[in-house]
C-alpha atoms as a PDB file:
ATOM      1  CA  MET A   1     -13.582  -0.696  -7.127  1.00  0.00           C
ATOM      2  CA  SER A   2     -16.976   0.665  -8.266  1.00  0.00           C
ATOM      3  CA  TYR A   3     -18.465   2.066  -5.153  1.00  0.00           C
ATOM      4  CA  PRO A   4     -16.415   4.987  -3.736  1.00  0.00           C
ATOM      5  CA  PRO A   5     -17.792   8.399  -4.651  1.00  0.00           C
ATOM      6  CA  ARG A   6     -15.871  10.126  -7.421  1.00  0.00           C
ATOM      7  CA  ALA A   7     -14.533  12.722  -4.965  1.00  0.00           C
ATOM      8  CA  PHE A   8     -12.659  10.043  -3.059  1.00  0.00           C
ATOM      9  CA  ARG A   9     -11.168   8.264  -6.044  1.00  0.00           C
ATOM     10  CA  GLU A  10      -7.483   8.636  -6.869  1.00  0.00           C
ATOM     11  CA  THR A  11      -6.487   7.705 -10.340  1.00  0.00           C
ATOM     12  CA  ARG A  12      -3.135   9.391 -10.862  1.00  0.00           C
ATOM     13  CA  GLU A  13      -0.624   6.613 -11.413  1.00  0.00           C
ATOM     14  CA  ASP A  14       2.321   8.501  -9.915  1.00  0.00           C
ATOM     15  CA  VAL A  15       0.407   9.237  -6.743  1.00  0.00           C
ATOM     16  CA  LEU A  16      -0.726   5.598  -6.468  1.00  0.00           C
ATOM     17  CA  LEU A  17       2.745   4.244  -7.010  1.00  0.00           C
ATOM     18  CA  ASP A  18       4.239   6.707  -4.505  1.00  0.00           C
ATOM     19  CA  ALA A  19       1.740   5.370  -2.005  1.00  0.00           C
ATOM     20  CA  VAL A  20       2.602   1.717  -2.768  1.00  0.00           C
ATOM     21  CA  ALA A  21       6.311   2.505  -2.265  1.00  0.00           C
ATOM     22  CA  GLU A  22       5.619   4.422   0.989  1.00  0.00           C
ATOM     23  CA  ILE A  23       3.348   1.757   2.476  1.00  0.00           C
ATOM     24  CA  GLY A  24       5.409  -1.209   1.222  1.00  0.00           C
ATOM     25  CA  LEU A  25       3.413  -3.970   2.855  1.00  0.00           C
ATOM     26  CA  ALA A  26       0.564  -5.575   0.917  1.00  0.00           C
ATOM     27  CA  SER A  27      -2.243  -7.946   1.742  1.00  0.00           C
ATOM     28  CA  LEU A  28      -2.197 -10.218  -1.308  1.00  0.00           C
ATOM     29  CA  VAL A  29      -5.526 -11.999  -1.875  1.00  0.00           C
ATOM     30  CA  VAL A  30      -6.283 -14.903  -4.163  1.00  0.00           C
ATOM     31  CA  VAL A  31      -9.408 -17.057  -4.494  1.00  0.00           C
ATOM     32  CA  GLN A  32      -9.190 -20.840  -4.818  1.00  0.00           C
ATOM     33  CA  GLY A  33     -12.385 -22.900  -5.148  1.00  0.00           C
ATOM     34  CA  GLY A  34     -14.437 -19.931  -4.020  1.00  0.00           C
ATOM     35  CA  VAL A  35     -12.402 -19.527  -0.823  1.00  0.00           C
ATOM     36  CA  PRO A  36     -10.271 -16.412  -0.428  1.00  0.00           C
ATOM     37  CA  GLU A  37      -6.700 -16.846   0.784  1.00  0.00           C
ATOM     38  CA  ALA A  38      -4.475 -13.953   1.852  1.00  0.00           C
ATOM     39  CA  VAL A  39      -0.892 -13.382   2.920  1.00  0.00           C
ATOM     40  CA  SER A  40       0.887 -10.224   4.048  1.00  0.00           C
ATOM     41  CA  LEU A  41       4.195  -9.457   2.316  1.00  0.00           C
ATOM     42  CA  PRO A  42       6.343  -6.569   1.123  1.00  0.00           C
ATOM     43  CA  MET A  43       5.953  -5.757  -2.554  1.00  0.00           C
ATOM     44  CA  VAL A  44       7.738  -3.336  -4.819  1.00  0.00           C
ATOM     45  CA  ALA A  45       6.533  -1.864  -8.080  1.00  0.00           C
ATOM     46  CA  THR A  46       8.734  -2.008 -11.150  1.00  0.00           C
ATOM     47  CA  ARG A  47       8.502  -2.225 -14.925  1.00  0.00           C
ATOM     48  CA  ASP A  48       8.776  -5.278 -17.114  1.00  0.00           C
ATOM     49  CA  GLY A  49       9.287  -3.412 -20.432  1.00  0.00           C
ATOM     50  CA  GLU A  50       6.268  -1.173 -20.616  1.00  0.00           C
ATOM     51  CA  ALA A  51       4.157  -3.331 -18.313  1.00  0.00           C
ATOM     52  CA  LEU A  52       3.727  -2.466 -14.673  1.00  0.00           C
ATOM     53  CA  VAL A  53       4.369  -5.325 -12.182  1.00  0.00           C
ATOM     54  CA  LEU A  54       4.586  -5.805  -8.452  1.00  0.00           C
ATOM     55  CA  GLU A  55       7.274  -8.154  -7.121  1.00  0.00           C
ATOM     56  CA  GLY A  56       7.218 -10.018  -3.867  1.00  0.00           C
ATOM     57  CA  HIS A  57       8.150 -13.346  -2.302  1.00  0.00           C
ATOM     58  CA  VAL A  58       6.846 -15.937   0.156  1.00  0.00           C
ATOM     59  CA  ALA A  59       8.393 -18.817   2.045  1.00  0.00           C
ATOM     60  CA  LEU A  60       8.557 -22.143   0.125  1.00  0.00           C
ATOM     61  CA  ALA A  61       6.349 -23.600   2.849  1.00  0.00           C
ATOM     62  CA  ASN A  62       3.601 -21.077   2.217  1.00  0.00           C
ATOM     63  CA  PRO A  63       0.933 -22.867   0.153  1.00  0.00           C
ATOM     64  CA  LEU A  64      -0.341 -19.612  -1.488  1.00  0.00           C
ATOM     65  CA  TRP A  65       2.365 -19.636  -4.186  1.00  0.00           C
ATOM     66  CA  ARG A  66       1.084 -22.998  -5.487  1.00  0.00           C
ATOM     67  CA  LEU A  67      -2.263 -21.329  -6.282  1.00  0.00           C
ATOM     68  CA  ALA A  68      -0.400 -18.978  -8.634  1.00  0.00           C
ATOM     69  CA  GLU A  69       1.495 -21.669 -10.545  1.00  0.00           C
ATOM     70  CA  SER A  70      -1.137 -21.645 -13.255  1.00  0.00           C
ATOM     71  CA  GLY A  71      -1.496 -17.798 -13.322  1.00  0.00           C
ATOM     72  CA  CYS A  72      -4.376 -17.017 -10.969  1.00  0.00           C
ATOM     73  CA  ALA A  73      -6.039 -13.634 -10.559  1.00  0.00           C
ATOM     74  CA  ALA A  74      -5.024 -11.742  -7.431  1.00  0.00           C
ATOM     75  CA  LEU A  75      -5.503  -8.501  -5.622  1.00  0.00           C
ATOM     76  CA  ALA A  76      -2.815  -6.663  -3.638  1.00  0.00           C
ATOM     77  CA  ILE A  77      -4.222  -4.170  -1.044  1.00  0.00           C
ATOM     78  CA  PHE A  78      -1.931  -1.474   0.404  1.00  0.00           C
ATOM     79  CA  GLN A  79      -3.549   0.102   3.453  1.00  0.00           C
ATOM     80  CA  GLY A  80      -2.260   3.608   4.156  1.00  0.00           C
ATOM     81  CA  PRO A  81      -2.855   6.014   6.946  1.00  0.00           C
ATOM     82  CA  HIS A  82      -6.313   5.862   8.513  1.00  0.00           C
ATOM     83  CA  ALA A  83      -7.958   7.499  11.492  1.00  0.00           C
ATOM     84  CA  TYR A  84     -11.188   7.841  13.392  1.00  0.00           C
ATOM     85  CA  VAL A  85     -12.762  11.339  13.008  1.00  0.00           C
ATOM     86  CA  HIS A  86     -14.376  12.832  16.072  1.00  0.00           C
ATOM     87  CA  PRO A  87     -17.437  14.930  15.190  1.00  0.00           C
ATOM     88  CA  GLY A  88     -16.502  17.625  17.684  1.00  0.00           C
ATOM     89  CA  TRP A  89     -13.629  18.671  15.385  1.00  0.00           C
ATOM     90  CA  TYR A  90     -16.155  20.007  12.832  1.00  0.00           C
ATOM     91  CA  PRO A  91     -17.065  23.684  13.380  1.00  0.00           C
ATOM     92  CA  THR A  92     -20.440  22.854  11.690  1.00  0.00           C
ATOM     93  CA  LYS A  93     -21.275  20.732  14.774  1.00  0.00           C
ATOM     94  CA  ARG A  94     -21.663  23.884  16.717  1.00  0.00           C
ATOM     95  CA  GLU A  95     -23.761  25.487  13.954  1.00  0.00           C
ATOM     96  CA  HIS A  96     -26.340  22.798  13.291  1.00  0.00           C
ATOM     97  CA  GLY A  97     -25.246  19.518  14.895  1.00  0.00           C
ATOM     98  CA  LYS A  98     -25.757  17.535  11.598  1.00  0.00           C
ATOM     99  CA  VAL A  99     -22.524  15.609  11.815  1.00  0.00           C
ATOM    100  CA  VAL A 100     -21.540  12.088  12.799  1.00  0.00           C
ATOM    101  CA  PRO A 101     -18.338  10.167  13.357  1.00  0.00           C
ATOM    102  CA  THR A 102     -16.549   8.690  10.386  1.00  0.00           C
ATOM    103  CA  TRP A 103     -13.240   7.145   9.348  1.00  0.00           C
ATOM    104  CA  ASN A 104     -10.697   8.727   7.035  1.00  0.00           C
ATOM    105  CA  TYR A 105      -8.330   6.467   5.107  1.00  0.00           C
ATOM    106  CA  VAL A 106      -6.010   5.916   2.210  1.00  0.00           C
ATOM    107  CA  VAL A 107      -5.889   2.672   0.344  1.00  0.00           C
ATOM    108  CA  VAL A 108      -4.524   1.373  -2.927  1.00  0.00           C
ATOM    109  CA  GLN A 109      -5.802  -1.712  -4.684  1.00  0.00           C
ATOM    110  CA  VAL A 110      -3.749  -3.468  -7.390  1.00  0.00           C
ATOM    111  CA  HIS A 111      -5.438  -6.102  -9.576  1.00  0.00           C
ATOM    112  CA  GLY A 112      -3.602  -8.496 -11.781  1.00  0.00           C
ATOM    113  CA  THR A 113      -2.461 -11.990 -12.566  1.00  0.00           C
ATOM    114  CA  LEU A 114       0.129 -13.843 -10.485  1.00  0.00           C
ATOM    115  CA  SER A 115       3.078 -15.801 -11.732  1.00  0.00           C
ATOM    116  CA  VAL A 116       5.775 -17.575  -9.768  1.00  0.00           C
ATOM    117  CA  THR A 117       9.515 -18.237 -10.086  1.00  0.00           C
ATOM    118  CA  ARG A 118      12.184 -20.029  -8.150  1.00  0.00           C
ATOM    119  CA  ASP A 119      15.031 -18.797 -10.406  1.00  0.00           C
ATOM    120  CA  PRO A 120      17.797 -17.838  -7.940  1.00  0.00           C
ATOM    121  CA  ASP A 121      19.042 -15.029 -10.221  1.00  0.00           C
ATOM    122  CA  TRP A 122      15.583 -13.449 -10.351  1.00  0.00           C
ATOM    123  CA  LEU A 123      15.235 -13.830  -6.568  1.00  0.00           C
ATOM    124  CA  ALA A 124      18.609 -12.244  -5.930  1.00  0.00           C
ATOM    125  CA  VAL A 125      17.790  -9.201  -8.108  1.00  0.00           C
ATOM    126  CA  HIS A 126      14.300  -8.933  -6.421  1.00  0.00           C
ATOM    127  CA  LEU A 127      15.665  -9.039  -2.906  1.00  0.00           C
ATOM    128  CA  ALA A 128      18.404  -6.460  -3.742  1.00  0.00           C
ATOM    129  CA  ARG A 129      15.809  -4.137  -5.193  1.00  0.00           C
ATOM    130  CA  LEU A 130      13.498  -4.606  -2.201  1.00  0.00           C
ATOM    131  CA  THR A 131      16.160  -3.972   0.362  1.00  0.00           C
ATOM    132  CA  ASP A 132      17.791  -1.093  -1.589  1.00  0.00           C
ATOM    133  CA  VAL A 133      14.457   0.739  -1.526  1.00  0.00           C
ATOM    134  CA  LYS A 134      14.063   0.392   2.255  1.00  0.00           C
ATOM    135  CA  GLU A 135      17.731   0.890   3.107  1.00  0.00           C
ATOM    136  CA  ALA A 136      18.045   4.092   1.072  1.00  0.00           C
ATOM    137  CA  GLY A 137      19.038   7.073   3.216  1.00  0.00           C
ATOM    138  CA  ARG A 138      20.240   5.116   6.186  1.00  0.00           C
ATOM    139  CA  PRO A 139      23.669   6.109   7.557  1.00  0.00           C
ATOM    140  CA  GLU A 140      24.927   2.572   7.011  1.00  0.00           C
ATOM    141  CA  PRO A 141      22.609   0.889   4.552  1.00  0.00           C
ATOM    142  CA  TRP A 142      22.612  -2.909   4.539  1.00  0.00           C
ATOM    143  CA  SER A 143      23.075  -4.758   1.297  1.00  0.00           C
ATOM    144  CA  MET A 144      23.038  -8.407   0.385  1.00  0.00           C
ATOM    145  CA  ASP A 145      26.773  -8.293  -0.021  1.00  0.00           C
ATOM    146  CA  ASP A 146      27.040  -7.786   3.693  1.00  0.00           C
ATOM    147  CA  ALA A 147      25.975 -11.318   4.332  1.00  0.00           C
ATOM    148  CA  PRO A 148      27.996 -14.511   3.357  1.00  0.00           C
ATOM    149  CA  ALA A 149      27.199 -15.696  -0.135  1.00  0.00           C
ATOM    150  CA  ASP A 150      26.424 -19.241   0.943  1.00  0.00           C
ATOM    151  CA  PHE A 151      24.077 -17.976   3.644  1.00  0.00           C
ATOM    152  CA  ILE A 152      22.157 -15.926   1.052  1.00  0.00           C
ATOM    153  CA  ALA A 153      22.100 -18.832  -1.386  1.00  0.00           C
ATOM    154  CA  GLY A 154      20.518 -21.046   1.329  1.00  0.00           C
ATOM    155  CA  LEU A 155      17.807 -18.445   1.962  1.00  0.00           C
ATOM    156  CA  LEU A 156      17.061 -18.127  -1.714  1.00  0.00           C
ATOM    157  CA  ARG A 157      16.282 -21.843  -1.831  1.00  0.00           C
ATOM    158  CA  GLY A 158      13.634 -21.299   0.848  1.00  0.00           C
ATOM    159  CA  ILE A 159      11.569 -18.657  -0.943  1.00  0.00           C
ATOM    160  CA  VAL A 160       9.442 -18.387  -4.029  1.00  0.00           C
ATOM    161  CA  GLY A 161       9.141 -15.190  -6.110  1.00  0.00           C
ATOM    162  CA  LEU A 162       5.804 -13.732  -7.018  1.00  0.00           C
ATOM    163  CA  THR A 163       5.018 -11.317  -9.837  1.00  0.00           C
ATOM    164  CA  LEU A 164       1.660  -9.556 -10.044  1.00  0.00           C
ATOM    165  CA  HIS A 165       1.139  -8.442 -13.644  1.00  0.00           C
ATOM    166  CA  VAL A 166      -0.959  -5.371 -13.106  1.00  0.00           C
ATOM    167  CA  THR A 167      -4.226  -4.960 -15.001  1.00  0.00           C
ATOM    168  CA  ARG A 168      -5.871  -2.302 -12.806  1.00  0.00           C
ATOM    169  CA  LEU A 169      -4.592   0.216 -10.270  1.00  0.00           C
ATOM    170  CA  GLU A 170      -7.095   2.055  -8.047  1.00  0.00           C
ATOM    171  CA  GLY A 171      -7.026   4.216  -4.988  1.00  0.00           C
ATOM    172  CA  VAL A 172      -9.295   5.820  -2.443  1.00  0.00           C
ATOM    173  CA  TRP A 173      -8.287   8.901  -0.500  1.00  0.00           C
ATOM    174  CA  LYS A 174     -11.257   9.473   1.844  1.00  0.00           C
ATOM    175  CA  ILE A 175      -9.994  12.640   3.587  1.00  0.00           C
ATOM    176  CA  ALA A 176     -13.132  14.782   4.040  1.00  0.00           C
ATOM    177  CA  GLN A 177     -13.195  16.182   0.511  1.00  0.00           C
ATOM    178  CA  HIS A 178     -16.969  16.540   0.769  1.00  0.00           C
ATOM    179  CA  HIS A 179     -16.795  18.759   3.847  1.00  0.00           C
ATOM    180  CA  PRO A 180     -16.236  22.578   3.805  1.00  0.00           C
ATOM    181  CA  GLU A 181     -12.699  23.698   4.320  1.00  0.00           C
ATOM    182  CA  SER A 182     -13.396  24.760   7.937  1.00  0.00           C
ATOM    183  CA  ASN A 183     -14.325  21.146   8.809  1.00  0.00           C
ATOM    184  CA  ARG A 184     -11.280  19.709   7.075  1.00  0.00           C
ATOM    185  CA  ARG A 185      -8.999  22.096   8.934  1.00  0.00           C
ATOM    186  CA  GLY A 186     -10.745  21.234  12.190  1.00  0.00           C
ATOM    187  CA  VAL A 187     -10.100  17.543  11.539  1.00  0.00           C
ATOM    188  CA  ILE A 188      -6.422  18.264  10.704  1.00  0.00           C
ATOM    189  CA  ALA A 189      -5.986  20.228  13.902  1.00  0.00           C
ATOM    190  CA  GLY A 190      -7.566  17.492  16.026  1.00  0.00           C
ATOM    191  CA  LEU A 191      -5.576  14.677  14.484  1.00  0.00           C
ATOM    192  CA  ALA A 192      -2.304  16.577  14.552  1.00  0.00           C
ATOM    193  CA  VAL A 193      -2.263  16.751  18.379  1.00  0.00           C
ATOM    194  CA  SER A 194      -3.305  13.139  18.921  1.00  0.00           C
ATOM    195  CA  PRO A 195      -0.814  10.844  20.787  1.00  0.00           C
ATOM    196  CA  ASP A 196      -1.595   8.164  18.169  1.00  0.00           C
ATOM    197  CA  PRO A 197       1.025   8.195  15.336  1.00  0.00           C
ATOM    198  CA  ALA A 198      -1.620   6.897  12.906  1.00  0.00           C
ATOM    199  CA  ASP A 199      -3.752   9.931  13.647  1.00  0.00           C
ATOM    200  CA  ARG A 200      -0.906  12.313  13.007  1.00  0.00           C
ATOM    201  CA  ALA A 201       0.000  10.448   9.788  1.00  0.00           C
ATOM    202  CA  MET A 202      -3.597  11.139   8.567  1.00  0.00           C
ATOM    203  CA  ALA A 203      -3.268  14.737   9.611  1.00  0.00           C
ATOM    204  CA  ALA A 204      -0.209  14.975   7.451  1.00  0.00           C
ATOM    205  CA  VAL A 205      -2.007  13.425   4.447  1.00  0.00           C
ATOM    206  CA  MET A 206      -4.917  15.887   4.771  1.00  0.00           C
ATOM    207  CA  ALA A 207      -2.551  18.897   5.269  1.00  0.00           C
ATOM    208  CA  ASN A 208      -0.646  17.975   2.116  1.00  0.00           C
ATOM    209  CA  ALA A 209      -3.922  17.686   0.181  1.00  0.00           C
ATOM    210  CA  GLU A 210      -5.055  21.079   1.494  1.00  0.00           C
ATOM    211  CA  ARG A 211      -1.884  22.651   0.116  1.00  0.00           C
ATOM    212  CA  ASP A 212      -2.428  20.987  -3.241  1.00  0.00           C
ATOM    213  CA  TRP A 213      -6.045  22.122  -3.417  1.00  0.00           C
ATOM    214  CA  SER A 214      -5.084  25.711  -2.580  1.00  0.00           C
ATOM    215  CA  ASN A 215      -2.486  25.865  -5.465  1.00  0.00           C
END
């Protein structure tokens, strides 16, 4: 990701991995014969020794996993909060009018090489890890032990595990860093009262960043 201005780039691994965990769902893109193919799937970051990997799975009937059998390159895109920014939220609009609409967003891109597995033990550990992450904190968290063992075994035969061996982790937090504080706070205030949950999520991201910048 060479384009985004330096002010928008996020390089802290802990921040990027927190976003991956929070977003959860990835668009996984591979290229075969010059044609891009993509699938949406939940992925979870973990460590294989010192190496960072993303784990996921697809249905056996999904042809994408066959592209990865020989270890193809892939890109996992995690799209975070995003929102349209109304120019009227900027105080500077009233001062000089030199403002235009834009779009604020958070995105993480994870580059690497894919490998596949149909090992039932690997798949069982992967699914337990994935569900434990998302069930954590619920009053009655579901676990794989809640379902009959033969039922789970049947499901495992119908999926293929994917591991993205990470070579590059990048993020863009385009949240009005290049604007004066008054404009940023104006955008936060405008988004925070929107009926759209996505707008309010972006307001929260911006407000958290403001607190970090003020410390």
